[in-house]
Structure formats: C-alpha cells, structure tokens
C-alpha atoms as a PDB file:
ATOM      1  CA  MET A   1       0.000   0.000   0.000  1.00  0.00           C
ATOM      2  CA  THR A   2       1.542   3.317  -1.044  1.00  0.00           C
ATOM      3  CA  HIS A   3       0.501   6.907  -0.538  1.00  0.00           C
ATOM      4  CA  SER A   4       1.869  10.186  -1.826  1.00  0.00           C
ATOM      5  CA  PRO A   5       3.764  11.954   0.980  1.00  0.00           C
ATOM      6  CA  PRO A   6       2.209  15.228   2.124  1.00  0.00           C
ATOM      7  CA  THR A   7       3.915  18.529   1.658  1.00  0.00           C
ATOM      8  CA  ARG A   8       5.306  20.487   4.634  1.00  0.00           C
ATOM      9  CA  ARG A   9       2.288  22.803   4.341  1.00  0.00           C
ATOM     10  CA  ARG A  10      -0.162  19.929   4.596  1.00  0.00           C
ATOM     11  CA  ILE A  11       1.582  18.421   7.612  1.00  0.00           C
ATOM     12  CA  LEU A  12       1.460  21.715   9.468  1.00  0.00           C
ATOM     13  CA  GLN A  13      -1.632  23.352   8.027  1.00  0.00           C
ATOM     14  CA  THR A  14      -4.105  22.385  10.748  1.00  0.00           C
ATOM     15  CA  GLY A  15      -1.797  23.658  13.486  1.00  0.00           C
ATOM     16  CA  ALA A  16      -3.156  23.238  16.986  1.00  0.00           C
ATOM     17  CA  ALA A  17      -6.294  21.609  15.623  1.00  0.00           C
ATOM     18  CA  GLY A  18      -4.390  18.329  15.760  1.00  0.00           C
ATOM     19  CA  LEU A  19      -4.549  18.515  19.528  1.00  0.00           C
ATOM     20  CA  ALA A  20      -8.296  17.909  19.309  1.00  0.00           C
ATOM     21  CA  LEU A  21      -7.837  14.730  17.312  1.00  0.00           C
ATOM     22  CA  GLY A  22      -7.361  12.500  20.307  1.00  0.00           C
ATOM     23  CA  LEU A  23      -3.882  13.162  21.725  1.00  0.00           C
ATOM     24  CA  SER A  24      -3.295  11.700  25.164  1.00  0.00           C
ATOM     25  CA  GLY A  25      -5.354  13.213  27.935  1.00  0.00           C
ATOM     26  CA  LEU A  26      -7.535  15.424  25.747  1.00  0.00           C
ATOM     27  CA  PRO A  27     -11.291  14.819  25.416  1.00  0.00           C
ATOM     28  CA  HIS A  28     -12.900  13.993  22.121  1.00  0.00           C
ATOM     29  CA  ARG A  29     -16.107  12.466  20.841  1.00  0.00           C
ATOM     30  CA  ALA A  30     -15.831   9.638  18.363  1.00  0.00           C
ATOM     31  CA  ARG A  31     -18.223   9.570  15.460  1.00  0.00           C
ATOM     32  CA  ALA A  32     -20.679   6.714  15.464  1.00  0.00           C
ATOM     33  CA  GLN A  33     -19.004   4.993  12.531  1.00  0.00           C
ATOM     34  CA  GLU A  34     -15.505   5.300  14.016  1.00  0.00           C
ATOM     35  CA  GLU A  35     -13.923   2.761  16.335  1.00  0.00           C
ATOM     36  CA  ALA A  36     -12.115   4.345  19.279  1.00  0.00           C
ATOM     37  CA  VAL A  37      -8.696   2.788  19.871  1.00  0.00           C
ATOM     38  CA  ALA A  38      -5.499   3.810  21.650  1.00  0.00           C
ATOM     39  CA  LEU A  39      -1.835   3.493  20.724  1.00  0.00           C
ATOM     40  CA  GLN A  40       0.400   3.330  23.792  1.00  0.00           C
ATOM     41  CA  LEU A  41       3.696   5.115  23.151  1.00  0.00           C
ATOM     42  CA  SER A  42       6.864   3.859  24.798  1.00  0.00           C
ATOM     43  CA  TRP A  43       8.114   7.199  26.106  1.00  0.00           C
ATOM     44  CA  LEU A  44       7.384  10.909  26.488  1.00  0.00           C
ATOM     45  CA  HIS A  45       6.195  12.837  23.461  1.00  0.00           C
ATOM     46  CA  SER A  46       9.009  13.677  21.039  1.00  0.00           C
ATOM     47  CA  VAL A  47       9.912  13.315  17.387  1.00  0.00           C
ATOM     48  CA  GLN A  48      10.591   9.650  18.199  1.00  0.00           C
ATOM     49  CA  PHE A  49       6.860   9.199  17.456  1.00  0.00           C
ATOM     50  CA  ALA A  50       6.537  11.749  14.650  1.00  0.00           C
ATOM     51  CA  GLY A  51       4.960   9.291  12.221  1.00  0.00           C
ATOM     52  CA  SER A  52       2.047   8.813  14.616  1.00  0.00           C
ATOM     53  CA  TYR A  53       1.565  12.558  15.007  1.00  0.00           C
ATOM     54  CA  ILE A  54       1.483  13.042  11.233  1.00  0.00           C
ATOM     55  CA  ALA A  55      -1.077  10.267  10.772  1.00  0.00           C
ATOM     56  CA  LEU A  56      -3.261  11.801  13.476  1.00  0.00           C
ATOM     57  CA  GLN A  57      -2.839  15.381  12.315  1.00  0.00           C
ATOM     58  CA  ASN A  58      -3.835  14.588   8.753  1.00  0.00           C
ATOM     59  CA  GLY A  59      -6.868  12.524   9.689  1.00  0.00           C
ATOM     60  CA  TRP A  60      -5.589   9.395   8.005  1.00  0.00           C
ATOM     61  CA  TRP A  61      -6.845   7.120  10.774  1.00  0.00           C
ATOM     62  CA  ARG A  62     -10.265   8.774  10.662  1.00  0.00           C
ATOM     63  CA  GLU A  63     -10.377   8.081   6.941  1.00  0.00           C
ATOM     64  CA  ALA A  64      -9.922   4.407   7.838  1.00  0.00           C
ATOM     65  CA  GLY A  65     -12.672   4.445  10.470  1.00  0.00           C
ATOM     66  CA  LEU A  66     -10.540   4.813  13.602  1.00  0.00           C
ATOM     67  CA  GLU A  67     -10.597   7.451  16.317  1.00  0.00           C
ATOM     68  CA  VAL A  68      -7.061   7.091  17.699  1.00  0.00           C
ATOM     69  CA  SER A  69      -5.755   8.348  21.033  1.00  0.00           C
ATOM     70  CA  LEU A  70      -1.984   8.483  21.534  1.00  0.00           C
ATOM     71  CA  LEU A  71      -1.178   7.603  25.135  1.00  0.00           C
ATOM     72  CA  GLN A  72       2.067   9.081  26.389  1.00  0.00           C
ATOM     73  CA  GLY A  73       4.569   6.712  27.959  1.00  0.00           C
ATOM     74  CA  GLY A  74       7.363   7.485  30.366  1.00  0.00           C
ATOM     75  CA  PRO A  75       9.197   6.140  33.416  1.00  0.00           C
ATOM     76  CA  ASN A  76       5.930   5.576  35.276  1.00  0.00           C
ATOM     77  CA  ALA A  77       3.841   4.469  32.298  1.00  0.00           C
ATOM     78  CA  PRO A  78       4.948   1.019  31.093  1.00  0.00           C
ATOM     79  CA  VAL A  79       3.659  -0.068  27.710  1.00  0.00           C
ATOM     80  CA  GLU A  80       2.643  -3.628  28.344  1.00  0.00           C
ATOM     81  CA  PRO A  81      -0.115  -3.371  31.034  1.00  0.00           C
ATOM     82  CA  PRO A  82      -2.497  -1.183  28.963  1.00  0.00           C
ATOM     83  CA  VAL A  83      -2.184  -3.564  26.018  1.00  0.00           C
ATOM     84  CA  VAL A  84      -2.893  -6.614  28.180  1.00  0.00           C
ATOM     85  CA  ALA A  85      -5.845  -4.819  29.785  1.00  0.00           C
ATOM     86  CA  GLY A  86      -7.249  -3.773  26.424  1.00  0.00           C
ATOM     87  CA  THR A  87      -6.944  -0.056  27.230  1.00  0.00           C
ATOM     88  CA  ALA A  88      -4.583   0.211  24.259  1.00  0.00           C
ATOM     89  CA  LEU A  89      -5.011  -1.797  21.082  1.00  0.00           C
ATOM     90  CA  VAL A  90      -1.304  -1.576  20.269  1.00  0.00           C
ATOM     91  CA  GLY A  91       1.790  -0.611  22.232  1.00  0.00           C
ATOM     92  CA  ILE A  92       5.237   0.474  21.106  1.00  0.00           C
ATOM     93  CA  SER A  93       7.731  -1.695  22.950  1.00  0.00           C
ATOM     94  CA  ALA A  94      10.948  -3.609  22.153  1.00  0.00           C
ATOM     95  CA  ALA A  95      11.728  -7.260  21.562  1.00  0.00           C
ATOM     96  CA  ASP A  96      13.380  -7.760  24.964  1.00  0.00           C
ATOM     97  CA  TYR A  97      10.471  -6.162  26.855  1.00  0.00           C
ATOM     98  CA  ALA A  98       7.963  -8.166  24.842  1.00  0.00           C
ATOM     99  CA  ALA A  99       9.907 -11.362  25.512  1.00  0.00           C
ATOM    100  CA  ALA A 100       9.994 -10.621  29.243  1.00  0.00           C
ATOM    101  CA  ALA A 101       6.243 -10.014  29.295  1.00  0.00           C
ATOM    102  CA  VAL A 102       5.544 -13.219  27.353  1.00  0.00           C
ATOM    103  CA  ALA A 103       7.684 -15.154  29.849  1.00  0.00           C
ATOM    104  CA  GLN A 104       5.316 -13.876  32.544  1.00  0.00           C
ATOM    105  CA  GLY A 105       2.268 -15.051  30.607  1.00  0.00           C
ATOM    106  CA  ALA A 106       1.350 -12.000  28.532  1.00  0.00           C
ATOM    107  CA  PRO A 107      -0.267 -13.059  25.222  1.00  0.00           C
ATOM    108  CA  PHE A 108       1.762 -10.684  23.023  1.00  0.00           C
ATOM    109  CA  ARG A 109       2.826 -10.814  19.424  1.00  0.00           C
ATOM    110  CA  ILE A 110       5.116  -8.373  17.645  1.00  0.00           C
ATOM    111  CA  ILE A 111       3.188  -7.123  14.611  1.00  0.00           C
ATOM    112  CA  GLY A 112       5.586  -4.470  13.286  1.00  0.00           C
ATOM    113  CA  VAL A 113       9.179  -3.307  13.685  1.00  0.00           C
ATOM    114  CA  ALA A 114       9.787   0.424  13.338  1.00  0.00           C
ATOM    115  CA  MET A 115      13.540   0.371  13.953  1.00  0.00           C
ATOM    116  CA  GLN A 116      15.270  -2.048  11.635  1.00  0.00           C
ATOM    117  CA  LYS A 117      18.504  -1.416  13.559  1.00  0.00           C
ATOM    118  CA  ASN A 118      18.713  -1.259  17.342  1.00  0.00           C
ATOM    119  CA  PRO A 119      19.645   2.286  18.464  1.00  0.00           C
ATOM    120  CA  PHE A 120      22.123   1.234  21.175  1.00  0.00           C
ATOM    121  CA  ALA A 121      25.549   2.720  20.505  1.00  0.00           C
ATOM    122  CA  ILE A 122      28.915   3.303  22.132  1.00  0.00           C
ATOM    123  CA  ALA A 123      29.721   7.024  22.027  1.00  0.00           C
ATOM    124  CA  SER A 124      33.267   8.321  22.344  1.00  0.00           C
ATOM    125  CA  LEU A 125      35.357  11.361  21.456  1.00  0.00           C
ATOM    126  CA  PRO A 126      37.570  11.613  18.333  1.00  0.00           C
ATOM    127  CA  GLY A 127      40.754  11.757  20.394  1.00  0.00           C
ATOM    128  CA  ASN A 128      40.025   8.414  22.056  1.00  0.00           C
ATOM    129  CA  PRO A 129      37.588   6.648  19.750  1.00  0.00           C
ATOM    130  CA  VAL A 130      35.786   3.342  20.155  1.00  0.00           C
ATOM    131  CA  GLU A 131      35.245   2.259  16.566  1.00  0.00           C
ATOM    132  CA  THR A 132      34.846  -1.508  17.010  1.00  0.00           C
ATOM    133  CA  PRO A 133      34.109  -3.755  19.994  1.00  0.00           C
ATOM    134  CA  ALA A 134      37.799  -4.745  19.989  1.00  0.00           C
ATOM    135  CA  ASP A 135      38.571  -1.192  21.155  1.00  0.00           C
ATOM    136  CA  LEU A 136      36.629  -1.634  24.411  1.00  0.00           C
ATOM    137  CA  PRO A 137      39.099  -3.622  26.582  1.00  0.00           C
ATOM    138  CA  GLY A 138      41.063  -1.215  28.740  1.00  0.00           C
ATOM    139  CA  LYS A 139      38.412   1.487  28.396  1.00  0.00           C
ATOM    140  CA  SER A 140      36.053   2.888  31.025  1.00  0.00           C
ATOM    141  CA  ILE A 141      32.399   3.082  29.984  1.00  0.00           C
ATOM    142  CA  GLY A 142      29.692   5.180  31.576  1.00  0.00           C
ATOM    143  CA  MET A 143      26.345   3.404  31.723  1.00  0.00           C
ATOM    144  CA  ALA A 144      23.438   2.312  33.855  1.00  0.00           C
ATOM    145  CA  ILE A 145      24.215  -0.883  35.736  1.00  0.00           C
ATOM    146  CA  ALA A 146      20.887  -2.263  34.485  1.00  0.00           C
ATOM    147  CA  ASN A 147      22.379  -2.322  30.976  1.00  0.00           C
ATOM    148  CA  THR A 148      25.230  -4.641  31.965  1.00  0.00           C
ATOM    149  CA  PRO A 149      23.627  -7.601  30.119  1.00  0.00           C
ATOM    150  CA  VAL A 150      23.584  -5.480  26.944  1.00  0.00           C
ATOM    151  CA  LEU A 151      27.333  -4.873  27.127  1.00  0.00           C
ATOM    152  CA  GLN A 152      27.937  -8.519  28.028  1.00  0.00           C
ATOM    153  CA  ALA A 153      25.964  -9.629  24.965  1.00  0.00           C
ATOM    154  CA  LEU A 154      27.960  -7.315  22.684  1.00  0.00           C
ATOM    155  CA  CYS A 155      31.211  -8.711  24.086  1.00  0.00           C
ATOM    156  CA  LYS A 156      30.038 -12.304  23.692  1.00  0.00           C
ATOM    157  CA  LEU A 157      28.984 -11.699  20.101  1.00  0.00           C
ATOM    158  CA  ASN A 158      32.393 -10.239  19.268  1.00  0.00           C
ATOM    159  CA  ASP A 159      34.693 -12.415  21.417  1.00  0.00           C
ATOM    160  CA  VAL A 160      35.718  -9.450  23.579  1.00  0.00           C
ATOM    161  CA  ASP A 161      36.900  -9.813  27.192  1.00  0.00           C
ATOM    162  CA  PHE A 162      34.095  -8.209  29.184  1.00  0.00           C
ATOM    163  CA  ASP A 163      36.157  -8.229  32.388  1.00  0.00           C
ATOM    164  CA  ALA A 164      38.756  -5.983  30.739  1.00  0.00           C
ATOM    165  CA  ILE A 165      36.207  -3.130  30.515  1.00  0.00           C
ATOM    166  CA  ARG A 166      35.689  -0.842  33.499  1.00  0.00           C
ATOM    167  CA  ILE A 167      32.036   0.006  34.053  1.00  0.00           C
ATOM    168  CA  VAL A 168      31.363   3.379  35.681  1.00  0.00           C
ATOM    169  CA  PRO A 169      27.754   3.813  36.870  1.00  0.00           C
ATOM    170  CA  THR A 170      26.505   7.160  35.552  1.00  0.00           C
ATOM    171  CA  GLN A 171      23.322   9.118  35.129  1.00  0.00           C
ATOM    172  CA  TYR A 172      22.013   9.199  31.561  1.00  0.00           C
ATOM    173  CA  SER A 173      24.011  12.229  30.492  1.00  0.00           C
ATOM    174  CA  ALA A 174      26.824  13.071  28.094  1.00  0.00           C
ATOM    175  CA  GLN A 175      28.631  15.071  30.772  1.00  0.00           C
ATOM    176  CA  PRO A 176      30.870  12.254  32.079  1.00  0.00           C
ATOM    177  CA  LEU A 177      32.264  11.768  28.572  1.00  0.00           C
ATOM    178  CA  ILE A 178      32.612  15.499  27.911  1.00  0.00           C
ATOM    179  CA  ALA A 179      34.438  15.907  31.249  1.00  0.00           C
ATOM    180  CA  ALA A 180      36.757  12.958  30.456  1.00  0.00           C
ATOM    181  CA  GLU A 181      35.483  11.027  33.473  1.00  0.00           C
ATOM    182  CA  VAL A 182      34.929   8.019  31.194  1.00  0.00           C
ATOM    183  CA  ASP A 183      36.295   6.947  27.817  1.00  0.00           C
ATOM    184  CA  CYS A 184      32.901   6.176  26.311  1.00  0.00           C
ATOM    185  CA  LEU A 185      29.176   5.909  26.975  1.00  0.00           C
ATOM    186  CA  LEU A 186      26.535   3.261  26.350  1.00  0.00           C
ATOM    187  CA  CYS A 187      23.570   5.185  24.982  1.00  0.00           C
ATOM    188  CA  TRP A 188      21.134   5.516  22.103  1.00  0.00           C
ATOM    189  CA  GLU A 189      22.408   6.851  18.809  1.00  0.00           C
ATOM    190  CA  THR A 190      19.477   9.263  18.772  1.00  0.00           C
ATOM    191  CA  ASP A 191      19.886  11.040  22.114  1.00  0.00           C
ATOM    192  CA  LEU A 192      23.222  11.698  23.901  1.00  0.00           C
ATOM    193  CA  PRO A 193      25.229  12.044  20.660  1.00  0.00           C
ATOM    194  CA  VAL A 194      22.540  14.432  19.440  1.00  0.00           C
ATOM    195  CA  ALA A 195      22.778  16.461  22.666  1.00  0.00           C
ATOM    196  CA  MET A 196      26.540  16.686  22.193  1.00  0.00           C
ATOM    197  CA  ALA A 197      26.196  17.771  18.582  1.00  0.00           C
ATOM    198  CA  ILE A 198      23.797  20.536  19.598  1.00  0.00           C
ATOM    199  CA  GLN A 199      26.522  21.763  21.965  1.00  0.00           C
ATOM    200  CA  GLY A 200      29.034  21.718  19.111  1.00  0.00           C
ATOM    201  CA  ILE A 201      30.861  18.645  20.435  1.00  0.00           C
ATOM    202  CA  GLU A 202      31.715  15.967  17.905  1.00  0.00           C
ATOM    203  CA  ALA A 203      31.127  12.401  19.027  1.00  0.00           C
ATOM    204  CA  ARG A 204      32.015   9.111  17.424  1.00  0.00           C
ATOM    205  CA  THR A 205      29.296   6.497  17.653  1.00  0.00           C
ATOM    206  CA  MET A 206      29.676   2.775  17.141  1.00  0.00           C
ATOM    207  CA  LEU A 207      26.231   1.370  16.432  1.00  0.00           C
ATOM    208  CA  MET A 208      25.985  -1.975  18.205  1.00  0.00           C
ATOM    209  CA  ALA A 209      23.652  -3.312  15.527  1.00  0.00           C
ATOM    210  CA  ASP A 210      26.581  -3.151  13.096  1.00  0.00           C
ATOM    211  CA  HIS A 211      28.442  -5.601  15.314  1.00  0.00           C
ATOM    212  CA  GLY A 212      25.911  -8.371  15.794  1.00  0.00           C
ATOM    213  CA  TYR A 213      23.630  -6.891  18.456  1.00  0.00           C
ATOM    214  CA  ALA A 214      20.335  -7.714  16.760  1.00  0.00           C
ATOM    215  CA  LEU A 215      17.379  -6.654  18.856  1.00  0.00           C
ATOM    216  CA  HIS A 216      14.247  -5.135  17.367  1.00  0.00           C
ATOM    217  CA  SER A 217      13.376  -1.778  18.910  1.00  0.00           C
ATOM    218  CA  GLN A 218      10.277   0.405  18.687  1.00  0.00           C
ATOM    219  CA  THR A 219       8.239  -2.708  17.972  1.00  0.00           C
ATOM    220  CA  TYR A 220       4.450  -2.731  17.786  1.00  0.00           C
ATOM    221  CA  ILE A 221       2.836  -5.288  20.095  1.00  0.00           C
ATOM    222  CA  ALA A 222      -0.745  -6.555  20.214  1.00  0.00           C
ATOM    223  CA  THR A 223      -2.484  -9.397  22.005  1.00  0.00           C
ATOM    224  CA  GLU A 224      -3.446 -12.705  20.460  1.00  0.00           C
ATOM    225  CA  ASP A 225      -7.073 -11.834  21.184  1.00  0.00           C
ATOM    226  CA  SER A 226      -6.800  -8.604  19.169  1.00  0.00           C
ATOM    227  CA  LEU A 227      -5.176 -10.496  16.312  1.00  0.00           C
ATOM    228  CA  ALA A 228      -8.099 -12.914  16.330  1.00  0.00           C
ATOM    229  CA  HIS A 229     -10.974 -10.481  16.835  1.00  0.00           C
ATOM    230  CA  ARG A 230      -9.844  -6.928  15.961  1.00  0.00           C
ATOM    231  CA  ARG A 231      -7.816  -7.557  12.840  1.00  0.00           C
ATOM    232  CA  GLU A 232      -9.410  -4.804  10.766  1.00  0.00           C
ATOM    233  CA  ALA A 233      -8.596  -2.197  13.413  1.00  0.00           C
ATOM    234  CA  LEU A 234      -5.015  -3.449  13.644  1.00  0.00           C
ATOM    235  CA  VAL A 235      -4.591  -3.230   9.882  1.00  0.00           C
ATOM    236  CA  ALA A 236      -6.022   0.296   9.817  1.00  0.00           C
ATOM    237  CA  LEU A 237      -3.826   1.427  12.715  1.00  0.00           C
ATOM    238  CA  MET A 238      -0.636   0.025  11.199  1.00  0.00           C
ATOM    239  CA  ALA A 239      -1.512   1.409   7.762  1.00  0.00           C
ATOM    240  CA  GLY A 240      -1.721   4.868   9.321  1.00  0.00           C
ATOM    241  CA  GLU A 241       1.622   4.377  11.038  1.00  0.00           C
ATOM    242  CA  ALA A 242       3.230   3.327   7.763  1.00  0.00           C
ATOM    243  CA  ARG A 243       1.782   6.318   5.964  1.00  0.00           C
ATOM    244  CA  GLY A 244       2.845   8.693   8.736  1.00  0.00           C
ATOM    245  CA  TRP A 245       6.416   7.446   8.822  1.00  0.00           C
ATOM    246  CA  GLU A 246       6.783   7.622   5.061  1.00  0.00           C
ATOM    247  CA  ALA A 247       5.664  11.251   5.323  1.00  0.00           C
ATOM    248  CA  CYS A 248       8.189  11.860   8.083  1.00  0.00           C
ATOM    249  CA  ARG A 249      10.933  10.414   5.907  1.00  0.00           C
ATOM    250  CA  ALA A 250       9.872  12.695   3.048  1.00  0.00           C
ATOM    251  CA  ASP A 251      10.289  15.808   5.212  1.00  0.00           C
ATOM    252  CA  SER A 252      11.751  15.139   8.649  1.00  0.00           C
ATOM    253  CA  ASP A 253      12.196  18.842   9.432  1.00  0.00           C
ATOM    254  CA  ALA A 254       8.465  19.415   8.972  1.00  0.00           C
ATOM    255  CA  ALA A 255       7.784  16.412  11.213  1.00  0.00           C
ATOM    256  CA  ALA A 256       9.990  17.941  13.914  1.00  0.00           C
ATOM    257  CA  GLU A 257       8.205  21.278  13.556  1.00  0.00           C
ATOM    258  CA  LEU A 258       4.841  19.557  13.935  1.00  0.00           C
ATOM    259  CA  THR A 259       6.032  17.713  17.052  1.00  0.00           C
ATOM    260  CA  VAL A 260       7.190  20.913  18.728  1.00  0.00           C
ATOM    261  CA  ALA A 261       3.996  22.728  17.730  1.00  0.00           C
ATOM    262  CA  LEU A 262       1.751  19.995  19.139  1.00  0.00           C
ATOM    263  CA  PHE A 263       3.535  19.842  22.492  1.00  0.00           C
ATOM    264  CA  PRO A 264       4.570  23.383  23.418  1.00  0.00           C
ATOM    265  CA  ASP A 265       4.855  22.512  27.109  1.00  0.00           C
ATOM    266  CA  ALA A 266       7.057  19.441  26.646  1.00  0.00           C
ATOM    267  CA  GLY A 267      10.320  21.389  26.662  1.00  0.00           C
ATOM    268  CA  LEU A 268      11.213  20.238  23.155  1.00  0.00           C
ATOM    269  CA  ASP A 269      13.993  22.091  21.364  1.00  0.00           C
ATOM    270  CA  LEU A 270      13.420  22.342  17.609  1.00  0.00           C
ATOM    271  CA  PRO A 271      17.070  21.943  16.477  1.00  0.00           C
ATOM    272  CA  THR A 272      17.396  18.887  18.731  1.00  0.00           C
ATOM    273  CA  GLN A 273      14.178  17.381  17.399  1.00  0.00           C
ATOM    274  CA  LYS A 274      15.275  17.946  13.801  1.00  0.00           C
ATOM    275  CA  LEU A 275      18.653  16.286  14.364  1.00  0.00           C
ATOM    276  CA  GLN A 276      17.104  13.412  16.294  1.00  0.00           C
ATOM    277  CA  ALA A 277      14.718  12.729  13.416  1.00  0.00           C
ATOM    278  CA  ARG A 278      17.560  12.739  10.897  1.00  0.00           C
ATOM    279  CA  ARG A 279      19.510  10.232  12.975  1.00  0.00           C
ATOM    280  CA  GLN A 280      16.507   8.031  13.684  1.00  0.00           C
ATOM    281  CA  LEU A 281      15.254   7.561  10.133  1.00  0.00           C
ATOM    282  CA  PRO A 282      18.290   5.578   8.855  1.00  0.00           C
ATOM    283  CA  LEU A 283      17.589   3.071  11.639  1.00  0.00           C
ATOM    284  CA  MET A 284      13.994   2.677  10.453  1.00  0.00           C
ATOM    285  CA  PHE A 285      14.324   2.295   6.701  1.00  0.00           C
ATOM    286  CA  SER A 286      16.420  -0.232   4.818  1.00  0.00           C
ATOM    287  CA  GLU A 287      16.541  -2.246   1.616  1.00  0.00           C
ATOM    288  CA  LEU A 288      14.102  -4.620   3.296  1.00  0.00           C
ATOM    289  CA  THR A 289      11.521  -1.910   3.918  1.00  0.00           C
ATOM    290  CA  GLU A 290      12.069  -0.522   0.430  1.00  0.00           C
ATOM    291  CA  THR A 291      11.089  -3.931  -0.927  1.00  0.00           C
ATOM    292  CA  HIS A 292       8.334  -4.946   1.495  1.00  0.00           C
ATOM    293  CA  GLY A 293       7.170  -1.782   3.266  1.00  0.00           C
ATOM    294  CA  PHE A 294       7.447  -0.003   6.601  1.00  0.00           C
ATOM    295  CA  GLY A 295       7.719  -2.199   9.683  1.00  0.00           C
ATOM    296  CA  TRP A 296       8.735  -5.384   7.841  1.00  0.00           C
ATOM    297  CA  TRP A 297      11.246  -7.934   9.096  1.00  0.00           C
ATOM    298  CA  SER A 298      12.931 -11.000   7.667  1.00  0.00           C
ATOM    299  CA  ASP A 299      13.106 -14.537   9.002  1.00  0.00           C
ATOM    300  CA  GLU A 300      16.884 -14.084   9.240  1.00  0.00           C
ATOM    301  CA  ALA A 301      16.369 -11.025  11.455  1.00  0.00           C
ATOM    302  CA  VAL A 302      14.124 -13.056  13.735  1.00  0.00           C
ATOM    303  CA  GLU A 303      16.819 -15.731  14.057  1.00  0.00           C
ATOM    304  CA  ALA A 304      19.392 -13.062  14.917  1.00  0.00           C
ATOM    305  CA  ASN A 305      17.017 -11.547  17.484  1.00  0.00           C
ATOM    306  CA  ILE A 306      16.485 -14.931  19.088  1.00  0.00           C
ATOM    307  CA  ARG A 307      20.285 -15.353  19.436  1.00  0.00           C
ATOM    308  CA  THR A 308      20.681 -11.921  21.020  1.00  0.00           C
ATOM    309  CA  LEU A 309      17.696 -12.447  23.323  1.00  0.00           C
ATOM    310  CA  SER A 310      19.217 -15.713  24.464  1.00  0.00           C
ATOM    311  CA  LEU A 311      22.364 -13.838  25.511  1.00  0.00           C
ATOM    312  CA  LEU A 312      20.113 -11.473  27.459  1.00  0.00           C
ATOM    313  CA  GLY A 313      18.526 -14.428  29.249  1.00  0.00           C
ATOM    314  CA  ARG A 314      15.304 -14.481  27.231  1.00  0.00           C
ATOM    315  CA  GLU A 315      14.259 -17.630  25.409  1.00  0.00           C
ATOM    316  CA  VAL A 316      11.678 -17.082  22.679  1.00  0.00           C
ATOM    317  CA  THR A 317      10.535 -18.740  19.470  1.00  0.00           C
ATOM    318  CA  PRO A 318       9.725 -17.247  16.049  1.00  0.00           C
ATOM    319  CA  ALA A 319       6.055 -17.369  17.080  1.00  0.00           C
ATOM    320  CA  LEU A 320       6.625 -14.110  18.979  1.00  0.00           C
ATOM    321  CA  TRP A 321       6.581 -12.331  15.598  1.00  0.00           C
ATOM    322  CA  ASP A 322       3.361 -12.251  13.538  1.00  0.00           C
ATOM    323  CA  ARG A 323       3.641 -10.655  10.092  1.00  0.00           C
ATOM    324  CA  SER A 324       0.028 -11.132   9.035  1.00  0.00           C
ATOM    325  CA  ILE A 325      -1.047  -7.544   9.799  1.00  0.00           C
ATOM    326  CA  LEU A 326       1.776  -6.057   7.747  1.00  0.00           C
ATOM    327  CA  GLU A 327       1.012  -8.483   4.930  1.00  0.00           C
ATOM    328  CA  ALA A 328      -2.490  -7.009   4.822  1.00  0.00           C
ATOM    329  CA  VAL A 329      -1.201  -3.424   5.116  1.00  0.00           C
ATOM    330  CA  HIS A 330       1.255  -3.772   2.245  1.00  0.00           C
ATOM    331  CA  ALA A 331      -0.810  -6.131   0.089  1.00  0.00           C
ATOM    332  CA  GLY A 332      -1.585  -3.370  -2.398  1.00  0.00           C
END
C-alpha cells in the first residue's frame, strides 16, 4: 500500500487543531461509525513518534474508520499493562520487553518493527575513539548498571573480554564523557550524541547493531485476542503508522516542527528534534523496507534476534513475531 507523501504545508496546516484529534489526555467524541482505539507510546512525546503525530494530524486514521488516542509513555507508564488490559489496542515496545512479558504469561505478538537497527551505541570522542568492539578492553564506559547484560551480549557476540572493561555507573548524560570522566558511553544513537552535537561537540558512535547486536526496537505489540478479533482495526492502525512514517521520511524537518507545535509545554527544542529525526530515520528504513514496506522484518532477522535475546537471558521462538497484519497493510 503506497501513498503520496504530504507537503510540509499539509503536515502543518491544521496547526493546533491536531490537539483535538485525540492526543493523550484530551477529550474527544468519536463519530458513530468510528472505532475508538489507543496506541500506547513507549516514552514521552518527542519526534521519536513523529509518524504517529502526522497520521493523526492529517486525519488518516479517521479516513480508515478509527478514532485514535496516543497515550504518552514514560518512566511511570509502562507499555505492556495497557495492552494486556485492552486499554490500548497496540503498544510500542521492544523485543526484549515483549519477551519478558511473554515469559510472565502476557499473550503478546510483535506485529511491526519500526527500527530495523537497534539504536544502542557506544559514544566516544575523536581523540580516544571506540570504533569496534575490539577497542573496548582497557576502556572505562559510563552506563546504567541495568544495561550490563547489553554490554555482556555485545562482548560475547564479538569475542571481547568483558572483564577488561571498566564500568562506571553514571546518570544518563553526556557530561561524564565530555568531562573525560569516562572513555565512552553506552547510549542511544538518537539522544546523547545528538545532545553533544547541539553543543558543538563531535562524538564518534559505534552502532551496536553493526556488530551483531540484533534486537528489534520500537516494535508494535498486540495481544493474540486482538489479532483474532480486531484484525481490521489493527490493519487500519498500522496502515496509518506506515503512511505517517513515510511522510516523516519525506520531510523530517516538517515532522519535527509539527512535534514541537503539538507539544509546546514538553520542553522540546526544535534543532534537537530535527537532528534526532535525521539520525533516527536511517535506523527505520532499509533495503528490506524498500522492498516490502514499513515495519517489515525478515526470518533471518528473527533468528538473529532470538540469538541476542538468548544472551540477554530471554528464550523465545519465532512465534513471537506475527507478520500477518503487515502483509495485509502492504498487500496493495
């Protein structure tokens, strides 16, 4: 299914009117012929979810018979419970979170993969770069202790001595690297390196996905019950997401402008949002999505994810991934 991308003017033309189209926490009245559904975001509002904002702003879900509410995530708003409870039809999660929930009995399936490459990266400075995993032994790395299994998995995948790396527990900030308190940071490609760039500080980033760390991120999850009984709504929701993200790719600056305009109280900085969008999109689109469409994945990618999840202590089968909704979305 393909659609012509909107122009910058069309994305922005309705301005604040988009806030009345069902954004989280705002009242609205669904038309009788529209089905009210919610999409649970994985974090606070930002350009990370720009494709959803574009779909909502342009009324593309309404055209398909859905009245969509975007529920903001955050540190105190986990994705999985609203999906299990049926409060949200779909949630944006990640393969490791979905696997953990399934291990506890949640009836989830991954129905779409927004990020074809995992955003985890090792950030360093040009004078002391980490360009491959082999550069890590002897280095100090700032990171959250909770992410130790992530670093261990990267080392295992690349035959690197994990014990030769000094872990320094840090807050999620670029400051320890800037102040030379650590040699590198474990972070997302789309946040701390962006913050450094905005400050005029060049950072080198080694994307872990380029070195075997295969873990689907920004995945769309739904329950088995929804797959069985609400398939049309799932197809319509994912079709809107696909259309929104293609529009974002066509003009990411306009998508960033829309995001900032919709959430004036979120403390979003427009230059940061623009740069984040530019760095996020290459993680989302690939030769695979060019061939099959937004959100697609291959059987080989599933096998690689299963290997990485095993290193993280999560045992799953290919049944965790269900491509039937995307097959319907991209059938045309």
